[in-house]
Amino acid sequence: MIESEFEANYVWTHKAKIALFLSAMRHFAEILKDKKYKLTYVKESKLSIPTVLREQIQKNHFTHLLCVEPGEWRLRKELEDLASDLQINLTIENDDHFYCGLDEFKEWVGDKKEIRLEYFYRYLRKKHKVLIEETGEPEGGQWNFDEQNRKPYPKKGPGKITEPLWFTPDAISQEVIAYVQAKYPKHPGELENFGWAVTREQALLALNHFVEYRLPLFGVHQDAMWTDTPFGWHSIMSTALNLKLIDPKEVVDAATQAYKKNQLSLSAVEGFVRQVLGWREFIRGMYYLDMPKMAEDNFYQHQRKLPDWYWTAETKMACMKDAIEQTLKYGYAHHIQRLMVTGNFALLAELLPQQVCEWYLAIYVDAIEWVELPNTAGMALFANGGRFTSKPYVASGAYIKRVSNYCDSCSYQSSKRYGPDACPMTTLYWNFLINHRAEFEKNPRTRLMTANLQKIEAEEQLLIAQHAQTLLNNLENI
């Protein structure tokens, strides 16, 4: 096992993410030692993983390198190059921590002209008999309950939300936290609130807590946002899943068993299952299917620099400020904050996809490239031109106002399309539609947006475009 400083530095990684990975590694190393595994643990190395492996292989005259599929195409390529250079055998085993292997996913894709989650999700549901009735039909008579899972919180707020289960750092975690603070003092983020699961036992406790206390109310408000409500009813199990402290089958089984035992809302349980069994599996397949092109895609040829306030939250936009502040505090934001706040703005502001993807990879504790890149480049930024999504996910301030309370405390007005107090999200949204009108009118899923654009007088459209250009030329001061 190798602790590599390179892995913390090749993107400007959040302190909590570094601490999470190192603490989980050191805890796992203790388990291996207790089980009498022969373990070489390289601690706090300044070298990259392939460089350390090269040293170990040459020192011990190894002839064979065996590993499981890495979570990043970069590392897989480096291992292949290393084995070729040293002329040793390399075996990369399938990662059985997923429902669907990479070969199976490629076979499912086949020669399909359109690759969509919904059909892959149904395929896995049927194959693994998840929420499937004896007749072979989906539980409740439909595959997708998304329409029931999009409500905002009540006007008075979300009320009392049962907190996720957090864990007080033990001696190993405390040692790691102190090391990270000293070693990476200028890296973004905080460590004062570190309480993530770092062992399998903790991950199972966190899962059971979610299923019992939070899953029943997860579904209906899963897209809702509210000031100082960083977790809502979300499971926050992605860190434990992506660190492989827990298996996705365990997570899905726990949710479906609770549905039957406790008569939970099917829409809540199905919505959660779709995230784990559906989307998580789907984007992993897409990542390895499309790399390395996925990392290079830039469909709209956007080139603008990521504003510095993505790292500081020093912006006047209330929605962006809240989402980024909580990200710096915990290393976490839920999927709508990532897609429709920070991601939506990045697309509308014409930011360079590669810089945006580096930010997502650096700043979120659950971000490994196989899961981060398809979500960011493919879904949030439409950088691959809709390879596996049917439209760009763009929205104005009106959407933010509908699903959150952010606009109540904002210095901008979500309803205004141009002018000094106009919401930048709104101005840039309409500007985006003006610039891509022809493309949007060809797509049945976006045609309604351009129909609304046609209701705006040409003179006002010109004012929107002019104000948008002012914003785009001054993104650092929004």
Protein backbone atom coordinates (compact mmCIF):
# COMPACT_ATOMS: atom_id res chain seq x y z
CA MET A 1 0.00 0.00 0.00
CA ILE A 2 1.36 3.39 -1.01
CA GLU A 3 0.66 6.83 0.42
CA SER A 4 1.74 9.07 -2.45
CA GLU A 5 2.05 12.84 -2.12
CA PHE A 6 1.57 13.00 -5.88
CA GLU A 7 -2.02 11.77 -5.49
CA ALA A 8 -2.76 14.69 -3.15
CA ASN A 9 -1.12 17.26 -5.40
CA TYR A 10 -1.88 16.46 -9.05
CA VAL A 11 -5.11 18.34 -8.39
CA TRP A 12 -5.25 20.82 -5.50
CA THR A 13 -7.02 18.34 -3.23
CA HIS A 14 -9.34 19.21 -0.33
CA LYS A 15 -7.72 18.51 3.05
CA ALA A 16 -10.66 16.36 4.14
CA LYS A 17 -10.32 14.16 1.04
CA ILE A 18 -6.62 13.57 1.70
CA ALA A 19 -7.36 12.78 5.35
CA LEU A 20 -10.22 10.44 4.44
CA PHE A 21 -8.15 8.37 2.02
CA LEU A 22 -5.09 8.17 4.31
CA SER A 23 -7.14 7.31 7.40
CA ALA A 24 -9.06 4.58 5.56
CA MET A 25 -5.77 3.18 4.22
CA ARG A 26 -4.08 3.12 7.61
CA HIS A 27 -7.08 1.52 9.29
CA PHE A 28 -7.19 -1.15 6.57
CA ALA A 29 -3.45 -1.75 6.94
CA GLU A 30 -4.01 -2.52 10.63
CA ILE A 31 -6.65 -5.09 9.70
CA LEU A 32 -4.28 -6.76 7.23
CA LYS A 33 -1.54 -6.89 9.84
CA ASP A 34 -3.93 -8.43 12.38
CA LYS A 35 -4.83 -11.08 9.81
CA LYS A 36 -1.11 -11.79 9.29
CA TYR A 37 -1.02 -10.65 5.66
CA LYS A 38 2.44 -9.86 4.41
CA LEU A 39 2.18 -6.13 3.83
CA THR A 40 4.61 -3.52 2.60
CA TYR A 41 3.18 -0.15 3.61
CA VAL A 42 4.98 2.86 2.12
CA LYS A 43 4.07 5.83 4.28
CA GLU A 44 4.12 9.51 3.27
CA SER A 45 6.06 8.94 0.04
CA LYS A 46 7.01 11.88 -2.16
CA LEU A 47 6.96 9.56 -5.18
CA SER A 48 4.12 8.54 -7.49
CA ILE A 49 2.49 5.12 -7.16
CA PRO A 50 4.15 3.72 -10.36
CA THR A 51 7.56 4.99 -9.22
CA VAL A 52 7.25 3.26 -5.83
CA LEU A 53 6.07 0.08 -7.57
CA ARG A 54 9.04 0.27 -9.93
CA GLU A 55 11.42 0.45 -6.95
CA GLN A 56 9.74 -2.50 -5.21
CA ILE A 57 9.67 -4.63 -8.38
CA GLN A 58 13.33 -4.02 -9.16
CA LYS A 59 14.44 -4.41 -5.54
CA ASN A 60 12.64 -7.75 -5.11
CA HIS A 61 13.06 -9.04 -8.67
CA PHE A 62 9.33 -9.53 -9.10
CA THR A 63 8.16 -10.96 -12.41
CA HIS A 64 4.40 -10.46 -12.07
CA LEU A 65 2.21 -7.50 -11.07
CA LEU A 66 -1.37 -8.26 -10.10
CA CYS A 67 -3.95 -5.57 -9.36
CA VAL A 68 -7.65 -4.84 -9.51
CA GLU A 69 -9.02 -2.37 -12.07
CA PRO A 70 -7.91 1.11 -10.99
CA GLY A 71 -10.45 3.89 -10.49
CA GLU A 72 -8.60 6.17 -12.91
CA TRP A 73 -7.65 5.59 -16.53
CA ARG A 74 -4.43 7.53 -15.85
CA LEU A 75 -3.23 5.00 -13.30
CA ARG A 76 -4.21 2.03 -15.44
CA LYS A 77 -2.17 3.43 -18.33
CA GLU A 78 0.81 4.07 -16.03
CA LEU A 79 0.69 0.49 -14.74
CA GLU A 80 0.53 -0.87 -18.29
CA ASP A 81 3.48 1.30 -19.31
CA LEU A 82 5.43 0.24 -16.21
CA ALA A 83 4.91 -3.47 -16.89
CA SER A 84 5.87 -3.02 -20.52
CA ASP A 85 8.99 -1.06 -19.63
CA LEU A 86 10.13 -3.61 -17.03
CA GLN A 87 9.00 -6.52 -19.18
CA ILE A 88 6.98 -8.16 -16.42
CA ASN A 89 3.57 -9.79 -16.53
CA LEU A 90 0.60 -7.54 -15.61
CA THR A 91 -2.77 -8.98 -14.65
CA ILE A 92 -5.66 -6.57 -14.04
CA GLU A 93 -8.54 -8.37 -12.35
CA ASN A 94 -12.19 -7.33 -12.68
CA ASP A 95 -13.40 -5.16 -9.83
CA ASP A 96 -16.17 -7.19 -8.22
CA HIS A 97 -17.21 -4.20 -6.13
CA PHE A 98 -19.74 -3.34 -8.84
CA TYR A 99 -22.86 -5.03 -10.17
CA CYS A 100 -21.65 -4.72 -13.76
CA GLY A 101 -18.19 -5.52 -15.08
CA LEU A 102 -16.61 -3.39 -17.80
CA ASP A 103 -16.82 -6.15 -20.42
CA GLU A 104 -20.48 -6.70 -19.62
CA PHE A 105 -21.15 -2.97 -19.98
CA LYS A 106 -19.42 -2.86 -23.38
CA GLU A 107 -21.50 -5.85 -24.47
CA TRP A 108 -24.70 -4.10 -23.32
CA VAL A 109 -23.76 -0.93 -25.23
CA GLY A 110 -23.00 -2.93 -28.37
CA ASP A 111 -23.91 -0.87 -31.44
CA LYS A 112 -26.61 1.22 -29.76
CA LYS A 113 -27.01 4.64 -31.38
CA GLU A 114 -28.30 6.15 -28.11
CA ILE A 115 -26.80 5.13 -24.77
CA ARG A 116 -29.20 6.00 -21.97
CA LEU A 117 -29.27 5.25 -18.27
CA GLU A 118 -32.95 4.30 -18.18
CA TYR A 119 -32.55 1.15 -20.30
CA PHE A 120 -29.33 0.08 -18.60
CA TYR A 121 -31.02 0.58 -15.22
CA ARG A 122 -33.93 -1.65 -16.27
CA TYR A 123 -31.47 -4.26 -17.51
CA LEU A 124 -29.70 -4.40 -14.13
CA ARG A 125 -32.97 -4.33 -12.18
CA LYS A 126 -34.20 -7.37 -14.10
CA LYS A 127 -30.90 -9.23 -13.99
CA HIS A 128 -30.43 -8.80 -10.23
CA LYS A 129 -34.15 -8.94 -9.39
CA VAL A 130 -34.15 -5.61 -7.55
CA LEU A 131 -37.66 -4.23 -6.90
CA ILE A 132 -39.04 -6.71 -9.43
CA GLU A 133 -42.33 -8.57 -8.94
CA GLU A 134 -42.67 -12.31 -9.65
CA THR A 135 -44.26 -11.46 -13.00
CA GLY A 136 -41.03 -9.73 -14.04
CA GLU A 137 -42.69 -6.33 -13.92
CA PRO A 138 -41.25 -3.48 -11.82
CA GLU A 139 -42.51 -3.06 -8.28
CA GLY A 140 -45.44 -0.65 -8.25
CA GLY A 141 -46.02 -0.98 -12.00
CA GLN A 142 -43.43 1.57 -13.16
CA TRP A 143 -39.67 1.82 -13.40
CA ASN A 144 -39.17 5.40 -12.41
CA PHE A 145 -40.76 7.57 -9.71
CA ASP A 146 -38.66 10.64 -10.46
CA GLU A 147 -41.67 12.93 -10.78
CA GLN A 148 -42.53 12.32 -7.12
CA ASN A 149 -39.00 13.09 -5.93
CA ARG A 150 -38.58 16.73 -6.96
CA LYS A 151 -40.46 18.77 -4.37
CA PRO A 152 -38.84 21.74 -2.63
CA TYR A 153 -38.89 22.01 1.14
CA PRO A 154 -41.97 23.71 2.66
CA LYS A 155 -41.91 27.52 2.67
CA LYS A 156 -41.00 27.55 6.37
CA GLY A 157 -38.02 25.30 5.72
CA PRO A 158 -37.15 21.62 5.94
CA GLY A 159 -37.90 21.33 9.66
CA LYS A 160 -35.93 18.91 11.80
CA ILE A 161 -33.74 16.60 9.75
CA THR A 162 -32.10 13.63 11.42
CA GLU A 163 -28.35 14.11 11.08
CA PRO A 164 -26.20 11.54 9.27
CA LEU A 165 -24.15 9.34 11.56
CA TRP A 166 -20.73 10.91 12.16
CA PHE A 167 -17.70 9.36 13.85
CA THR A 168 -15.31 11.00 16.27
CA PRO A 169 -11.77 10.64 14.87
CA ASP A 170 -9.81 7.93 16.70
CA ALA A 171 -6.05 7.95 17.29
CA ILE A 172 -5.24 6.93 13.70
CA SER A 173 -7.52 9.58 12.21
CA GLN A 174 -6.22 12.23 14.60
CA GLU A 175 -2.66 11.43 13.55
CA VAL A 176 -3.67 11.72 9.89
CA ILE A 177 -5.52 15.00 10.44
CA ALA A 178 -2.48 16.51 12.17
CA TYR A 179 -0.24 15.30 9.34
CA VAL A 180 -2.51 16.76 6.63
CA GLN A 181 -2.77 20.12 8.43
CA ALA A 182 1.01 20.32 8.67
CA LYS A 183 1.83 18.90 5.24
CA TYR A 184 -0.85 20.60 3.14
CA PRO A 185 -1.60 23.89 4.95
CA LYS A 186 -2.42 25.82 1.77
CA HIS A 187 -4.76 23.21 0.31
CA PRO A 188 -8.47 24.13 0.25
CA GLY A 189 -11.02 23.06 2.80
CA GLU A 190 -11.35 22.42 6.50
CA LEU A 191 -10.73 19.47 8.79
CA GLU A 192 -12.57 20.65 11.92
CA ASN A 193 -15.75 18.79 10.91
CA PHE A 194 -14.10 15.52 9.85
CA GLY A 195 -16.36 12.64 10.87
CA TRP A 196 -16.53 10.34 7.83
CA ALA A 197 -16.60 6.57 8.12
CA VAL A 198 -13.05 5.25 7.70
CA THR A 199 -13.63 1.54 8.47
CA ARG A 200 -16.04 -1.10 7.23
CA GLU A 201 -17.66 -1.29 10.68
CA GLN A 202 -18.36 2.43 10.64
CA ALA A 203 -19.68 2.26 7.08
CA LEU A 204 -22.19 -0.43 8.06
CA LEU A 205 -23.32 1.63 11.05
CA ALA A 206 -23.75 4.67 8.80
CA LEU A 207 -25.78 2.61 6.33
CA ASN A 208 -28.07 1.21 9.00
CA HIS A 209 -28.58 4.69 10.43
CA PHE A 210 -29.52 6.07 7.01
CA VAL A 211 -31.93 3.27 6.22
CA GLU A 212 -33.69 3.53 9.58
CA TYR A 213 -33.84 7.27 10.12
CA ARG A 214 -33.25 9.08 6.80
CA LEU A 215 -34.31 6.88 3.89
CA PRO A 216 -38.06 7.17 4.69
CA LEU A 217 -37.94 10.91 3.93
CA PHE A 218 -35.14 10.86 1.36
CA GLY A 219 -37.16 10.67 -1.84
CA VAL A 220 -39.58 13.55 -1.94
CA HIS A 221 -37.01 16.26 -1.17
CA GLN A 222 -33.90 14.75 -2.76
CA ASP A 223 -33.58 17.70 -5.16
CA ALA A 224 -34.34 20.39 -2.57
CA MET A 225 -31.80 22.90 -1.29
CA TRP A 226 -31.85 25.17 1.74
CA THR A 227 -29.36 27.52 3.35
CA ASP A 228 -27.13 25.81 5.94
CA THR A 229 -28.66 22.40 5.13
CA PRO A 230 -25.70 20.59 3.57
CA PHE A 231 -26.94 17.01 3.70
CA GLY A 232 -30.73 17.10 3.62
CA TRP A 233 -32.00 13.52 3.76
CA HIS A 234 -29.19 12.18 1.55
CA SER A 235 -27.33 9.00 2.48
CA ILE A 236 -23.74 10.38 2.09
CA MET A 237 -22.76 6.73 1.52
CA SER A 238 -20.78 7.61 -1.62
CA THR A 239 -17.52 8.00 0.32
CA ALA A 240 -17.76 4.54 1.87
CA LEU A 241 -18.85 3.02 -1.44
CA ASN A 242 -16.06 4.61 -3.46
CA LEU A 243 -13.45 3.66 -0.87
CA LYS A 244 -14.85 0.11 -1.01
CA LEU A 245 -15.55 -0.01 2.70
CA ILE A 246 -18.97 -1.33 1.77
CA ASP A 247 -20.42 -3.10 -1.26
CA PRO A 248 -23.17 -1.55 -3.41
CA LYS A 249 -25.18 -4.77 -3.16
CA GLU A 250 -25.23 -4.36 0.63
CA VAL A 251 -26.49 -0.82 0.24
CA VAL A 252 -29.24 -1.70 -2.24
CA ASP A 253 -30.29 -4.78 -0.27
CA ALA A 254 -30.56 -2.76 2.95
CA ALA A 255 -32.83 -0.23 1.23
CA THR A 256 -35.09 -2.78 -0.48
CA GLN A 257 -35.40 -4.90 2.67
CA ALA A 258 -36.40 -1.82 4.65
CA TYR A 259 -39.00 -1.01 1.99
CA LYS A 260 -40.69 -4.37 2.51
CA LYS A 261 -40.21 -4.60 6.25
CA ASN A 262 -41.13 -1.04 7.19
CA GLN A 263 -43.52 -0.28 4.29
CA LEU A 264 -41.47 2.70 3.15
CA SER A 265 -42.44 4.91 0.25
CA LEU A 266 -41.60 3.13 -3.01
CA SER A 267 -40.70 6.44 -4.65
CA ALA A 268 -38.08 7.12 -1.96
CA VAL A 269 -36.55 3.66 -2.14
CA GLU A 270 -36.62 3.46 -5.94
CA GLY A 271 -35.02 6.90 -6.21
CA PHE A 272 -32.20 5.80 -3.95
CA VAL A 273 -31.75 2.44 -5.70
CA ARG A 274 -31.56 4.23 -9.05
CA GLN A 275 -28.65 6.33 -7.81
CA VAL A 276 -26.65 3.28 -6.67
CA LEU A 277 -27.69 0.44 -8.99
CA GLY A 278 -28.41 2.67 -11.95
CA TRP A 279 -26.44 5.87 -12.32
CA ARG A 280 -23.32 4.84 -10.36
CA GLU A 281 -22.88 1.69 -12.46
CA PHE A 282 -23.77 3.45 -15.70
CA ILE A 283 -21.23 6.26 -15.47
CA ARG A 284 -18.43 3.89 -14.46
CA GLY A 285 -19.08 1.95 -17.63
CA MET A 286 -19.18 5.14 -19.69
CA TYR A 287 -15.92 6.36 -18.14
CA TYR A 288 -13.87 3.38 -19.24
CA LEU A 289 -15.75 3.11 -22.53
CA ASP A 290 -14.91 6.69 -23.55
CA MET A 291 -11.52 7.41 -21.97
CA PRO A 292 -9.23 9.16 -22.71
CA LYS A 293 -11.42 11.15 -25.11
CA MET A 294 -13.87 12.00 -22.31
CA ALA A 295 -11.21 14.03 -20.50
CA GLU A 296 -10.41 16.00 -23.66
CA ASP A 297 -13.96 16.76 -24.88
CA ASN A 298 -15.09 20.38 -25.18
CA PHE A 299 -18.26 20.37 -27.29
CA TYR A 300 -18.95 24.10 -26.96
CA GLN A 301 -15.25 25.05 -27.12
CA HIS A 302 -15.55 26.98 -23.86
CA GLN A 303 -12.24 28.51 -22.73
CA ARG A 304 -12.89 30.81 -19.77
CA LYS A 305 -10.83 30.43 -16.61
CA LEU A 306 -12.43 29.00 -13.47
CA PRO A 307 -13.03 32.00 -11.14
CA ASP A 308 -10.88 32.00 -8.00
CA TRP A 309 -13.99 32.19 -5.83
CA TYR A 310 -14.74 28.55 -6.65
CA TRP A 311 -11.97 27.92 -4.09
CA THR A 312 -13.04 30.58 -1.56
CA ALA A 313 -16.85 31.03 -1.88
CA GLU A 314 -16.28 34.79 -2.05
CA THR A 315 -19.13 35.55 -4.45
CA LYS A 316 -22.31 37.61 -4.09
CA MET A 317 -24.46 34.82 -5.55
CA ALA A 318 -26.17 33.24 -2.54
CA CYS A 319 -26.65 29.83 -4.17
CA MET A 320 -23.02 29.53 -5.24
CA LYS A 321 -21.77 30.90 -1.95
CA ASP A 322 -23.73 28.40 0.16
CA ALA A 323 -22.88 25.39 -2.03
CA ILE A 324 -19.17 26.22 -2.10
CA GLU A 325 -18.96 27.16 1.59
CA GLN A 326 -20.38 23.81 2.66
CA THR A 327 -18.08 22.08 0.15
CA LEU A 328 -15.06 23.75 1.74
CA LYS A 329 -16.37 22.84 5.19
CA TYR A 330 -17.20 19.18 4.58
CA GLY A 331 -15.93 18.26 1.11
CA TYR A 332 -19.54 17.47 0.22
CA ALA A 333 -22.52 18.83 -1.70
CA HIS A 334 -25.48 16.77 -2.91
CA HIS A 335 -26.18 16.03 -6.56
CA ILE A 336 -28.44 19.00 -7.31
CA GLN A 337 -26.00 21.46 -5.78
CA ARG A 338 -23.25 19.95 -7.93
CA LEU A 339 -25.31 19.70 -11.13
CA MET A 340 -27.67 22.68 -11.04
CA VAL A 341 -25.70 25.23 -9.01
CA THR A 342 -21.91 24.94 -9.41
CA GLY A 343 -22.14 22.88 -12.61
CA ASN A 344 -24.96 24.90 -14.19
CA PHE A 345 -23.07 28.14 -13.63
CA ALA A 346 -19.85 26.65 -15.04
CA LEU A 347 -21.63 25.72 -18.28
CA LEU A 348 -23.48 29.03 -18.61
CA ALA A 349 -20.28 30.97 -17.83
CA GLU A 350 -18.43 29.15 -20.62
CA LEU A 351 -15.73 27.78 -18.30
CA LEU A 352 -13.03 25.48 -19.66
CA PRO A 353 -14.30 21.93 -18.93
CA GLN A 354 -10.86 20.61 -17.92
CA GLN A 355 -10.49 23.26 -15.20
CA VAL A 356 -13.99 22.62 -13.90
CA CYS A 357 -13.39 18.85 -13.82
CA GLU A 358 -10.15 19.35 -11.91
CA TRP A 359 -12.05 21.41 -9.33
CA TYR A 360 -14.69 18.71 -8.83
CA LEU A 361 -12.02 16.02 -8.56
CA ALA A 362 -10.08 18.07 -6.03
CA ILE A 363 -12.82 19.41 -3.84
CA TYR A 364 -15.20 16.49 -3.13
CA VAL A 365 -14.26 13.72 -0.71
CA ASP A 366 -16.10 11.07 -2.77
CA ALA A 367 -14.49 12.09 -6.07
CA ILE A 368 -12.49 9.44 -7.90
CA GLU A 369 -12.13 10.14 -11.61
CA TRP A 370 -14.30 7.23 -12.78
CA VAL A 371 -17.27 8.80 -10.98
CA GLU A 372 -16.33 12.49 -11.14
CA LEU A 373 -15.46 12.94 -14.80
CA PRO A 374 -18.62 11.51 -16.44
CA ASN A 375 -20.80 13.44 -13.99
CA THR A 376 -18.97 16.72 -14.53
CA ALA A 377 -17.86 16.65 -18.18
CA GLY A 378 -20.67 14.47 -19.50
CA MET A 379 -23.69 15.59 -17.49
CA ALA A 380 -23.06 19.01 -15.94
CA LEU A 381 -21.00 20.55 -18.77
CA PHE A 382 -22.32 18.66 -21.83
CA ALA A 383 -18.69 18.58 -22.94
CA ASN A 384 -19.19 15.36 -24.92
CA GLY A 385 -22.15 16.77 -26.83
CA GLY A 386 -24.75 14.47 -25.31
CA ARG A 387 -23.03 11.12 -25.63
CA PHE A 388 -25.20 9.73 -22.81
CA THR A 389 -27.52 12.63 -21.96
CA SER A 390 -30.39 13.93 -24.04
CA LYS A 391 -29.90 17.65 -23.38
CA PRO A 392 -27.67 20.21 -21.64
CA TYR A 393 -28.72 20.69 -18.01
CA VAL A 394 -29.15 24.47 -17.93
CA ALA A 395 -31.50 26.56 -15.82
CA SER A 396 -32.04 30.17 -14.81
CA GLY A 397 -32.35 31.68 -11.36
CA ALA A 398 -36.05 30.82 -11.51
CA TYR A 399 -35.18 27.14 -11.04
CA ILE A 400 -32.92 27.94 -8.06
CA LYS A 401 -35.72 30.00 -6.52
CA ARG A 402 -38.23 27.18 -7.02
CA VAL A 403 -36.18 24.46 -5.29
CA SER A 404 -34.40 26.47 -2.57
CA ASN A 405 -34.47 29.53 -0.34
CA TYR A 406 -31.16 30.85 -1.66
CA CYS A 407 -32.74 33.72 -3.59
CA ASP A 408 -34.35 35.13 -0.41
CA SER A 409 -30.98 36.32 0.89
CA CYS A 410 -29.28 37.11 -2.42
CA SER A 411 -28.21 40.56 -3.57
CA TYR A 412 -29.32 39.62 -7.08
CA GLN A 413 -32.92 39.19 -8.27
CA SER A 414 -33.66 35.88 -9.95
CA SER A 415 -36.48 37.31 -12.10
CA LYS A 416 -34.34 40.03 -13.72
CA ARG A 417 -32.68 39.16 -17.01
CA TYR A 418 -30.26 42.09 -17.25
CA GLY A 419 -29.06 45.08 -15.26
CA PRO A 420 -26.82 45.51 -12.19
CA ASP A 421 -29.08 43.56 -9.83
CA ALA A 422 -30.04 40.84 -12.34
CA CYS A 423 -29.22 37.28 -11.32
CA PRO A 424 -26.07 36.20 -13.22
CA MET A 425 -27.52 32.70 -13.54
CA THR A 426 -30.62 34.17 -15.23
CA THR A 427 -28.72 36.51 -17.54
CA LEU A 428 -26.27 33.82 -18.61
CA TYR A 429 -29.07 31.28 -19.07
CA TRP A 430 -30.92 33.46 -21.57
CA ASN A 431 -27.64 34.37 -23.24
CA PHE A 432 -26.86 30.65 -23.60
CA LEU A 433 -30.23 30.07 -25.27
CA ILE A 434 -29.67 33.02 -27.62
CA ASN A 435 -26.27 31.63 -28.62
CA HIS A 436 -27.51 28.05 -29.09
CA ARG A 437 -31.06 28.70 -30.28
CA ALA A 438 -30.84 26.65 -33.48
CA GLU A 439 -29.47 23.60 -31.71
CA PHE A 440 -32.08 23.80 -28.92
CA GLU A 441 -34.97 24.13 -31.37
CA LYS A 442 -34.00 20.82 -33.01
CA ASN A 443 -34.30 18.92 -29.71
CA PRO A 444 -37.83 18.08 -28.45
CA ARG A 445 -36.54 18.20 -24.86
CA THR A 446 -35.23 21.77 -25.18
CA ARG A 447 -37.65 23.25 -27.70
CA LEU A 448 -39.83 24.67 -24.92
CA MET A 449 -36.89 26.77 -23.73
CA THR A 450 -36.48 28.46 -27.09
CA ALA A 451 -40.27 28.89 -27.32
CA ASN A 452 -39.98 30.99 -24.16
CA LEU A 453 -37.07 32.86 -25.70
CA GLN A 454 -39.26 33.85 -28.65
CA LYS A 455 -41.56 35.70 -26.21
CA ILE A 456 -38.71 38.10 -25.38
CA GLU A 457 -38.50 41.13 -27.66
CA ALA A 458 -35.41 41.44 -29.87
CA GLU A 459 -34.40 44.68 -28.13
CA GLU A 460 -34.45 42.99 -24.73
CA GLN A 461 -32.49 40.01 -26.09
CA LEU A 462 -29.81 42.46 -27.19
CA LEU A 463 -29.67 43.96 -23.69
CA ILE A 464 -29.40 40.46 -22.20
CA ALA A 465 -26.53 39.59 -24.54
CA GLN A 466 -24.74 42.85 -23.75
CA HIS A 467 -25.08 42.38 -20.00
CA ALA A 468 -24.01 38.72 -20.32
CA GLN A 469 -20.84 39.83 -22.07
CA THR A 470 -20.11 42.25 -19.23
CA LEU A 471 -20.53 39.40 -16.73
CA LEU A 472 -18.39 36.99 -18.76
CA ASN A 473 -15.60 39.55 -18.95
CA ASN A 474 -15.74 40.08 -15.19
CA LEU A 475 -16.47 36.66 -13.69
CA GLU A 476 -14.11 37.17 -10.74
CA ASN A 477 -16.32 39.93 -9.34
CA ILE A 478 -19.78 38.39 -9.62
